[in-house]
Amino acid sequence: MTGTAAHLRVLEVAKPDCVTEDLHGEIVVLNLVSGVYFSLRNLAAAVWRDLAAGHSVGSLISGISRVDERIAVATAELIDKFEQTGIMRQASPRPVETEPESLASVRTGEVRLTFESFDDMKELVLSSPVHISDIDDQMGWQDAART
């Protein structure tokens, strides 16, 4: 995508196929369809938070490129991976209007894009009769498994 369309492109967490949790700054995302989970730290976590908040891909890339063009290119590649792995998907254009300096991904000053994937629990996640997305926070695992 180029031009205005790329600037307005907005992504969202691919719910209910994915669940996500912020663990003291590390974003952990579990893709319930593939059974793969992801760890996002440093700048990758800030980019995730900005996208999940509704900021457009273009505004993030533009803001980061003002700091470092090389990191902006790597960030664009990371955002493509979010879509390729099925943890984020295209959303209706509804970008949050902000100045680039107010984006978490720009403010952090962080340059490391840490994005790791793990499939060591894949079989367990895919074979479990209880899916994380079906569990009521108040009911818990034990009761959900009995229903």
N, C-alpha and C. Protein backbone atom coordinates (compact mmCIF):
# COMPACT_ATOMS: atom_id res chain seq x y z
N MET A 1 0.82 -1.18 0.00
CA MET A 1 0.00 0.00 0.00
C MET A 1 0.87 1.24 0.00
N THR A 2 0.41 2.23 -0.71
CA THR A 2 1.18 3.46 -0.76
C THR A 2 0.26 4.65 -0.53
N GLY A 3 0.87 5.77 -0.28
CA GLY A 3 0.13 7.01 -0.17
C GLY A 3 -0.85 7.05 0.98
N THR A 4 -2.01 7.67 0.71
CA THR A 4 -3.02 7.88 1.74
C THR A 4 -3.56 6.58 2.29
N ALA A 5 -3.78 5.57 1.44
CA ALA A 5 -4.32 4.29 1.91
C ALA A 5 -3.41 3.66 2.95
N ALA A 6 -2.11 3.69 2.72
CA ALA A 6 -1.16 3.13 3.68
C ALA A 6 -1.16 3.94 4.97
N HIS A 7 -1.26 5.26 4.82
CA HIS A 7 -1.23 6.12 6.00
C HIS A 7 -2.45 5.89 6.88
N LEU A 8 -3.60 5.56 6.27
CA LEU A 8 -4.83 5.37 7.02
C LEU A 8 -5.06 3.93 7.48
N ARG A 9 -4.20 3.01 7.07
CA ARG A 9 -4.38 1.61 7.43
C ARG A 9 -4.34 1.45 8.94
N VAL A 10 -5.36 0.80 9.47
CA VAL A 10 -5.48 0.59 10.90
C VAL A 10 -5.61 -0.90 11.16
N LEU A 11 -4.94 -1.38 12.20
CA LEU A 11 -5.01 -2.79 12.58
C LEU A 11 -5.67 -2.93 13.95
N GLU A 12 -6.13 -4.15 14.22
CA GLU A 12 -6.70 -4.46 15.52
C GLU A 12 -6.26 -5.85 15.93
N VAL A 13 -6.35 -6.15 17.22
CA VAL A 13 -6.04 -7.49 17.71
C VAL A 13 -7.06 -8.44 17.09
N ALA A 14 -6.60 -9.59 16.63
CA ALA A 14 -7.45 -10.56 15.94
C ALA A 14 -8.26 -11.38 16.93
N LYS A 15 -9.16 -10.72 17.65
CA LYS A 15 -10.03 -11.40 18.61
C LYS A 15 -11.18 -12.03 17.87
N PRO A 16 -11.72 -13.13 18.23
CA PRO A 16 -11.43 -13.94 19.42
C PRO A 16 -10.35 -14.99 19.20
N ASP A 17 -9.73 -14.97 18.01
CA ASP A 17 -8.70 -15.96 17.70
C ASP A 17 -7.41 -15.74 18.48
N CYS A 18 -7.25 -14.57 19.06
CA CYS A 18 -6.04 -14.26 19.82
C CYS A 18 -6.42 -13.64 21.16
N VAL A 19 -5.64 -13.98 22.16
CA VAL A 19 -5.78 -13.34 23.46
C VAL A 19 -4.43 -12.71 23.79
N THR A 20 -4.48 -11.61 24.51
CA THR A 20 -3.26 -10.86 24.78
C THR A 20 -3.25 -10.38 26.22
N GLU A 21 -2.06 -10.24 26.76
CA GLU A 21 -1.89 -9.77 28.13
C GLU A 21 -0.62 -8.93 28.21
N ASP A 22 -0.70 -7.84 28.95
CA ASP A 22 0.47 -7.00 29.20
C ASP A 22 1.03 -7.41 30.56
N LEU A 23 2.19 -8.03 30.54
CA LEU A 23 2.83 -8.52 31.76
C LEU A 23 4.02 -7.63 32.10
N HIS A 24 3.76 -6.58 32.84
CA HIS A 24 4.81 -5.65 33.28
C HIS A 24 5.64 -5.13 32.12
N GLY A 25 4.96 -4.74 31.02
CA GLY A 25 5.64 -4.15 29.88
C GLY A 25 5.88 -5.11 28.73
N GLU A 26 5.84 -6.41 29.00
CA GLU A 26 5.96 -7.40 27.92
C GLU A 26 4.56 -7.77 27.46
N ILE A 27 4.32 -7.70 26.16
CA ILE A 27 3.04 -8.11 25.61
C ILE A 27 3.16 -9.58 25.23
N VAL A 28 2.25 -10.40 25.74
CA VAL A 28 2.21 -11.81 25.39
C VAL A 28 0.91 -12.03 24.62
N VAL A 29 1.03 -12.63 23.44
CA VAL A 29 -0.13 -12.87 22.57
C VAL A 29 -0.19 -14.35 22.27
N LEU A 30 -1.35 -14.95 22.47
CA LEU A 30 -1.56 -16.36 22.14
C LEU A 30 -2.52 -16.44 20.98
N ASN A 31 -2.07 -17.05 19.88
CA ASN A 31 -2.92 -17.29 18.73
C ASN A 31 -3.58 -18.65 18.96
N LEU A 32 -4.87 -18.65 19.26
CA LEU A 32 -5.59 -19.87 19.58
C LEU A 32 -5.81 -20.76 18.36
N VAL A 33 -5.67 -20.21 17.17
CA VAL A 33 -5.85 -20.98 15.94
C VAL A 33 -4.58 -21.76 15.60
N SER A 34 -3.42 -21.11 15.73
CA SER A 34 -2.15 -21.76 15.39
C SER A 34 -1.50 -22.45 16.58
N GLY A 35 -1.88 -22.04 17.80
CA GLY A 35 -1.26 -22.58 19.00
C GLY A 35 0.08 -21.96 19.33
N VAL A 36 0.47 -20.94 18.60
CA VAL A 36 1.76 -20.28 18.80
C VAL A 36 1.54 -19.05 19.68
N TYR A 37 2.48 -18.83 20.60
CA TYR A 37 2.40 -17.61 21.40
C TYR A 37 3.62 -16.74 21.13
N PHE A 38 3.44 -15.46 21.36
CA PHE A 38 4.43 -14.46 20.99
C PHE A 38 4.76 -13.58 22.18
N SER A 39 6.01 -13.15 22.23
CA SER A 39 6.49 -12.23 23.25
C SER A 39 6.97 -10.97 22.54
N LEU A 40 6.41 -9.84 22.92
CA LEU A 40 6.80 -8.55 22.35
C LEU A 40 7.35 -7.69 23.47
N ARG A 41 8.57 -7.26 23.30
CA ARG A 41 9.21 -6.42 24.31
C ARG A 41 9.84 -5.20 23.64
N ASN A 42 10.21 -4.27 24.49
CA ASN A 42 10.89 -3.05 24.03
C ASN A 42 10.02 -2.29 23.04
N LEU A 43 10.58 -1.85 21.93
CA LEU A 43 9.83 -1.06 20.96
C LEU A 43 8.68 -1.87 20.36
N ALA A 44 8.84 -3.16 20.19
CA ALA A 44 7.76 -3.99 19.63
C ALA A 44 6.51 -3.91 20.49
N ALA A 45 6.67 -3.91 21.81
CA ALA A 45 5.52 -3.79 22.72
C ALA A 45 4.86 -2.42 22.59
N ALA A 46 5.65 -1.38 22.46
CA ALA A 46 5.10 -0.03 22.31
C ALA A 46 4.34 0.10 20.99
N VAL A 47 4.87 -0.49 19.93
CA VAL A 47 4.19 -0.47 18.62
C VAL A 47 2.85 -1.20 18.74
N TRP A 48 2.85 -2.36 19.39
CA TRP A 48 1.62 -3.12 19.60
C TRP A 48 0.57 -2.27 20.33
N ARG A 49 0.99 -1.62 21.41
CA ARG A 49 0.06 -0.79 22.19
C ARG A 49 -0.52 0.34 21.34
N ASP A 50 0.33 0.98 20.54
CA ASP A 50 -0.15 2.07 19.68
C ASP A 50 -1.15 1.56 18.65
N LEU A 51 -0.85 0.43 18.02
CA LEU A 51 -1.77 -0.13 17.03
C LEU A 51 -3.08 -0.55 17.69
N ALA A 52 -3.00 -1.22 18.83
CA ALA A 52 -4.20 -1.68 19.54
C ALA A 52 -5.06 -0.50 20.00
N ALA A 53 -4.43 0.66 20.21
CA ALA A 53 -5.17 1.86 20.63
C ALA A 53 -5.84 2.56 19.45
N GLY A 54 -5.58 2.08 18.22
CA GLY A 54 -6.23 2.65 17.05
C GLY A 54 -5.41 3.60 16.22
N HIS A 55 -4.14 3.75 16.54
CA HIS A 55 -3.28 4.62 15.72
C HIS A 55 -3.03 3.94 14.38
N SER A 56 -2.95 4.72 13.34
CA SER A 56 -2.73 4.15 12.01
C SER A 56 -1.28 3.70 11.85
N VAL A 57 -1.10 2.72 10.97
CA VAL A 57 0.24 2.23 10.66
C VAL A 57 1.09 3.39 10.16
N GLY A 58 0.51 4.21 9.30
CA GLY A 58 1.25 5.34 8.73
C GLY A 58 1.74 6.33 9.76
N SER A 59 0.90 6.61 10.77
CA SER A 59 1.33 7.57 11.80
C SER A 59 2.48 7.01 12.63
N LEU A 60 2.45 5.70 12.89
CA LEU A 60 3.56 5.09 13.64
C LEU A 60 4.85 5.14 12.84
N ILE A 61 4.78 4.71 11.59
CA ILE A 61 5.97 4.67 10.74
C ILE A 61 6.51 6.08 10.54
N SER A 62 5.63 7.03 10.33
CA SER A 62 6.04 8.42 10.15
C SER A 62 6.74 8.96 11.39
N GLY A 63 6.15 8.72 12.55
CA GLY A 63 6.74 9.20 13.80
C GLY A 63 8.09 8.57 14.09
N ILE A 64 8.20 7.26 13.86
CA ILE A 64 9.47 6.57 14.12
C ILE A 64 10.53 6.99 13.11
N SER A 65 10.12 7.25 11.86
CA SER A 65 11.10 7.65 10.84
C SER A 65 11.72 9.01 11.16
N ARG A 66 11.00 9.84 11.91
CA ARG A 66 11.58 11.13 12.33
C ARG A 66 12.73 10.92 13.30
N VAL A 67 12.71 9.79 14.01
CA VAL A 67 13.77 9.47 14.96
C VAL A 67 14.89 8.70 14.26
N ASP A 68 14.50 7.67 13.46
CA ASP A 68 15.49 6.82 12.81
C ASP A 68 14.82 6.08 11.65
N GLU A 69 15.24 6.38 10.44
CA GLU A 69 14.65 5.78 9.25
C GLU A 69 14.84 4.26 9.21
N ARG A 70 15.99 3.78 9.64
CA ARG A 70 16.29 2.35 9.63
C ARG A 70 15.33 1.60 10.56
N ILE A 71 15.08 2.16 11.71
CA ILE A 71 14.16 1.53 12.67
C ILE A 71 12.73 1.59 12.13
N ALA A 72 12.39 2.65 11.41
CA ALA A 72 11.06 2.75 10.81
C ALA A 72 10.82 1.63 9.80
N VAL A 73 11.84 1.31 9.01
CA VAL A 73 11.72 0.22 8.03
C VAL A 73 11.54 -1.10 8.77
N ALA A 74 12.32 -1.34 9.81
CA ALA A 74 12.21 -2.56 10.60
C ALA A 74 10.84 -2.64 11.29
N THR A 75 10.32 -1.51 11.71
CA THR A 75 9.00 -1.47 12.36
C THR A 75 7.91 -1.84 11.36
N ALA A 76 8.01 -1.34 10.14
CA ALA A 76 7.04 -1.68 9.09
C ALA A 76 7.06 -3.19 8.83
N GLU A 77 8.25 -3.78 8.82
CA GLU A 77 8.37 -5.23 8.62
C GLU A 77 7.75 -5.98 9.80
N LEU A 78 7.95 -5.47 11.00
CA LEU A 78 7.36 -6.10 12.19
C LEU A 78 5.84 -6.05 12.13
N ILE A 79 5.29 -4.93 11.72
CA ILE A 79 3.84 -4.80 11.62
C ILE A 79 3.29 -5.79 10.59
N ASP A 80 4.02 -5.99 9.50
CA ASP A 80 3.62 -7.00 8.52
C ASP A 80 3.60 -8.39 9.16
N LYS A 81 4.56 -8.67 10.04
CA LYS A 81 4.59 -9.97 10.73
C LYS A 81 3.39 -10.14 11.65
N PHE A 82 2.95 -9.05 12.28
CA PHE A 82 1.75 -9.12 13.12
C PHE A 82 0.58 -9.65 12.29
N GLU A 83 0.45 -9.17 11.07
CA GLU A 83 -0.64 -9.62 10.20
C GLU A 83 -0.40 -11.03 9.68
N GLN A 84 0.84 -11.31 9.26
CA GLN A 84 1.16 -12.63 8.70
C GLN A 84 0.96 -13.75 9.71
N THR A 85 1.22 -13.48 10.97
CA THR A 85 1.07 -14.51 12.00
C THR A 85 -0.37 -14.60 12.53
N GLY A 86 -1.23 -13.70 12.06
CA GLY A 86 -2.64 -13.75 12.44
C GLY A 86 -2.96 -13.17 13.80
N ILE A 87 -2.04 -12.39 14.36
CA ILE A 87 -2.32 -11.82 15.68
C ILE A 87 -2.94 -10.43 15.60
N MET A 88 -2.83 -9.80 14.43
CA MET A 88 -3.53 -8.54 14.17
C MET A 88 -4.12 -8.65 12.77
N ARG A 89 -5.17 -7.87 12.55
CA ARG A 89 -5.83 -7.86 11.24
C ARG A 89 -6.29 -6.45 10.91
N GLN A 90 -6.60 -6.27 9.64
CA GLN A 90 -7.08 -4.98 9.15
C GLN A 90 -8.36 -4.61 9.89
N ALA A 91 -8.47 -3.36 10.25
CA ALA A 91 -9.67 -2.84 10.91
C ALA A 91 -10.25 -1.71 10.08
N SER A 92 -11.43 -1.31 10.41
CA SER A 92 -12.04 -0.16 9.75
C SER A 92 -11.21 1.08 10.06
N PRO A 93 -11.00 1.94 9.08
CA PRO A 93 -10.23 3.16 9.35
C PRO A 93 -10.89 4.00 10.44
N ARG A 94 -10.22 4.11 11.54
CA ARG A 94 -10.67 4.91 12.66
C ARG A 94 -9.46 5.41 13.44
N PRO A 95 -8.46 5.92 12.72
CA PRO A 95 -7.23 6.29 13.41
C PRO A 95 -7.45 7.36 14.48
N VAL A 96 -6.72 7.22 15.52
CA VAL A 96 -6.73 8.19 16.59
C VAL A 96 -5.81 9.32 16.15
N GLU A 97 -6.31 10.52 16.15
CA GLU A 97 -5.50 11.66 15.74
C GLU A 97 -4.58 12.07 16.88
N THR A 98 -3.30 12.08 16.63
CA THR A 98 -2.34 12.52 17.64
C THR A 98 -1.09 13.03 16.94
N GLU A 99 -0.32 13.72 17.66
CA GLU A 99 0.98 14.14 17.18
C GLU A 99 1.94 12.96 17.32
N PRO A 100 2.85 12.75 16.36
CA PRO A 100 3.77 11.63 16.43
C PRO A 100 4.54 11.54 17.75
N GLU A 101 4.84 12.68 18.35
CA GLU A 101 5.61 12.67 19.59
C GLU A 101 4.83 12.06 20.75
N SER A 102 3.50 11.96 20.62
CA SER A 102 2.70 11.41 21.71
C SER A 102 2.54 9.90 21.60
N LEU A 103 2.98 9.31 20.51
CA LEU A 103 2.91 7.86 20.34
C LEU A 103 3.89 7.18 21.30
N ALA A 104 3.44 6.12 21.95
CA ALA A 104 4.31 5.38 22.87
C ALA A 104 5.55 4.88 22.14
N SER A 105 5.38 4.45 20.89
CA SER A 105 6.50 3.92 20.13
C SER A 105 7.56 4.96 19.84
N VAL A 106 7.18 6.23 19.81
CA VAL A 106 8.15 7.30 19.58
C VAL A 106 8.73 7.79 20.90
N ARG A 107 7.89 7.90 21.91
CA ARG A 107 8.31 8.43 23.21
C ARG A 107 9.32 7.54 23.93
N THR A 108 9.26 6.24 23.74
CA THR A 108 10.12 5.34 24.51
C THR A 108 11.60 5.59 24.29
N GLY A 109 11.96 6.01 23.09
CA GLY A 109 13.37 6.16 22.77
C GLY A 109 14.03 4.80 22.56
N GLU A 110 13.23 3.75 22.65
CA GLU A 110 13.72 2.37 22.50
C GLU A 110 13.96 2.08 21.02
N VAL A 111 14.99 1.31 20.74
CA VAL A 111 15.31 0.97 19.35
C VAL A 111 15.28 -0.54 19.10
N ARG A 112 15.15 -1.33 20.15
CA ARG A 112 15.14 -2.79 19.98
C ARG A 112 13.72 -3.27 19.73
N LEU A 113 13.54 -3.96 18.62
CA LEU A 113 12.25 -4.56 18.28
C LEU A 113 12.33 -6.04 18.64
N THR A 114 11.89 -6.41 19.82
CA THR A 114 12.00 -7.79 20.27
C THR A 114 10.66 -8.48 20.06
N PHE A 115 10.64 -9.41 19.09
CA PHE A 115 9.44 -10.15 18.72
C PHE A 115 9.84 -11.61 18.59
N GLU A 116 9.38 -12.43 19.53
CA GLU A 116 9.74 -13.84 19.52
C GLU A 116 8.47 -14.68 19.47
N SER A 117 8.57 -15.84 18.82
CA SER A 117 7.43 -16.76 18.78
C SER A 117 7.85 -18.10 19.35
N PHE A 118 6.88 -18.77 19.96
CA PHE A 118 7.15 -20.05 20.62
C PHE A 118 6.02 -21.03 20.27
N ASP A 119 6.40 -22.24 19.92
CA ASP A 119 5.38 -23.23 19.61
C ASP A 119 5.45 -24.45 20.53
N ASP A 120 6.15 -24.31 21.65
CA ASP A 120 6.34 -25.43 22.55
C ASP A 120 5.05 -25.89 23.24
N MET A 121 4.02 -25.07 23.25
CA MET A 121 2.74 -25.45 23.86
C MET A 121 1.65 -25.65 22.81
N LYS A 122 2.06 -25.70 21.55
CA LYS A 122 1.13 -25.77 20.43
C LYS A 122 0.16 -26.94 20.55
N GLU A 123 0.68 -28.13 20.80
CA GLU A 123 -0.18 -29.31 20.90
C GLU A 123 -1.19 -29.17 22.03
N LEU A 124 -0.74 -28.67 23.16
CA LEU A 124 -1.62 -28.48 24.31
C LEU A 124 -2.73 -27.47 23.99
N VAL A 125 -2.36 -26.35 23.42
CA VAL A 125 -3.34 -25.31 23.10
C VAL A 125 -4.36 -25.81 22.09
N LEU A 126 -3.89 -26.50 21.06
CA LEU A 126 -4.78 -26.95 20.00
C LEU A 126 -5.64 -28.14 20.41
N SER A 127 -5.20 -28.94 21.38
CA SER A 127 -5.97 -30.11 21.78
C SER A 127 -6.85 -29.88 23.00
N SER A 128 -6.68 -28.76 23.67
CA SER A 128 -7.43 -28.49 24.89
C SER A 128 -8.92 -28.34 24.59
N PRO A 129 -9.78 -29.09 25.33
CA PRO A 129 -11.22 -28.93 25.14
C PRO A 129 -11.73 -27.59 25.69
N VAL A 130 -10.94 -26.96 26.54
CA VAL A 130 -11.31 -25.67 27.10
C VAL A 130 -10.45 -24.62 26.42
N HIS A 131 -11.11 -23.71 25.73
CA HIS A 131 -10.37 -22.65 25.06
C HIS A 131 -10.33 -21.42 25.92
N ILE A 132 -9.20 -20.77 25.95
CA ILE A 132 -9.00 -19.60 26.79
C ILE A 132 -10.07 -18.55 26.53
N SER A 133 -10.47 -18.38 25.28
CA SER A 133 -11.45 -17.35 24.97
C SER A 133 -12.84 -17.68 25.52
N ASP A 134 -13.08 -18.96 25.89
CA ASP A 134 -14.37 -19.37 26.42
C ASP A 134 -14.46 -19.28 27.94
N ILE A 135 -13.37 -18.97 28.59
CA ILE A 135 -13.33 -18.99 30.04
C ILE A 135 -13.80 -17.66 30.61
N ASP A 136 -14.74 -17.75 31.51
CA ASP A 136 -15.23 -16.57 32.22
C ASP A 136 -14.21 -16.25 33.30
N ASP A 137 -13.79 -14.98 33.37
CA ASP A 137 -12.78 -14.58 34.35
C ASP A 137 -13.17 -14.97 35.77
N GLN A 138 -14.44 -14.93 36.09
CA GLN A 138 -14.87 -15.25 37.44
C GLN A 138 -15.05 -16.75 37.64
N MET A 139 -15.37 -17.49 36.55
CA MET A 139 -15.60 -18.92 36.67
C MET A 139 -14.29 -19.68 36.85
N GLY A 140 -13.27 -19.35 36.06
CA GLY A 140 -11.98 -20.02 36.17
C GLY A 140 -11.90 -21.30 35.35
N TRP A 141 -10.71 -21.86 35.28
CA TRP A 141 -10.43 -23.06 34.49
C TRP A 141 -11.19 -24.29 34.97
N GLN A 142 -11.16 -24.56 36.25
CA GLN A 142 -11.76 -25.79 36.78
C GLN A 142 -13.24 -25.90 36.44
N ASP A 143 -13.99 -24.85 36.71
CA ASP A 143 -15.42 -24.87 36.45
C ASP A 143 -15.73 -24.87 34.96
N ALA A 144 -14.93 -24.18 34.17
CA ALA A 144 -15.14 -24.14 32.72
C ALA A 144 -14.94 -25.52 32.11
N ALA A 145 -14.00 -26.29 32.63
CA ALA A 145 -13.73 -27.63 32.11
C ALA A 145 -14.88 -28.58 32.40
N ARG A 146 -15.64 -28.33 33.46
CA ARG A 146 -16.75 -29.21 33.85
C ARG A 146 -18.02 -28.94 33.04
N THR A 147 -18.13 -27.78 32.44
CA THR A 147 -19.37 -27.43 31.73
C THR A 147 -19.42 -27.98 30.35
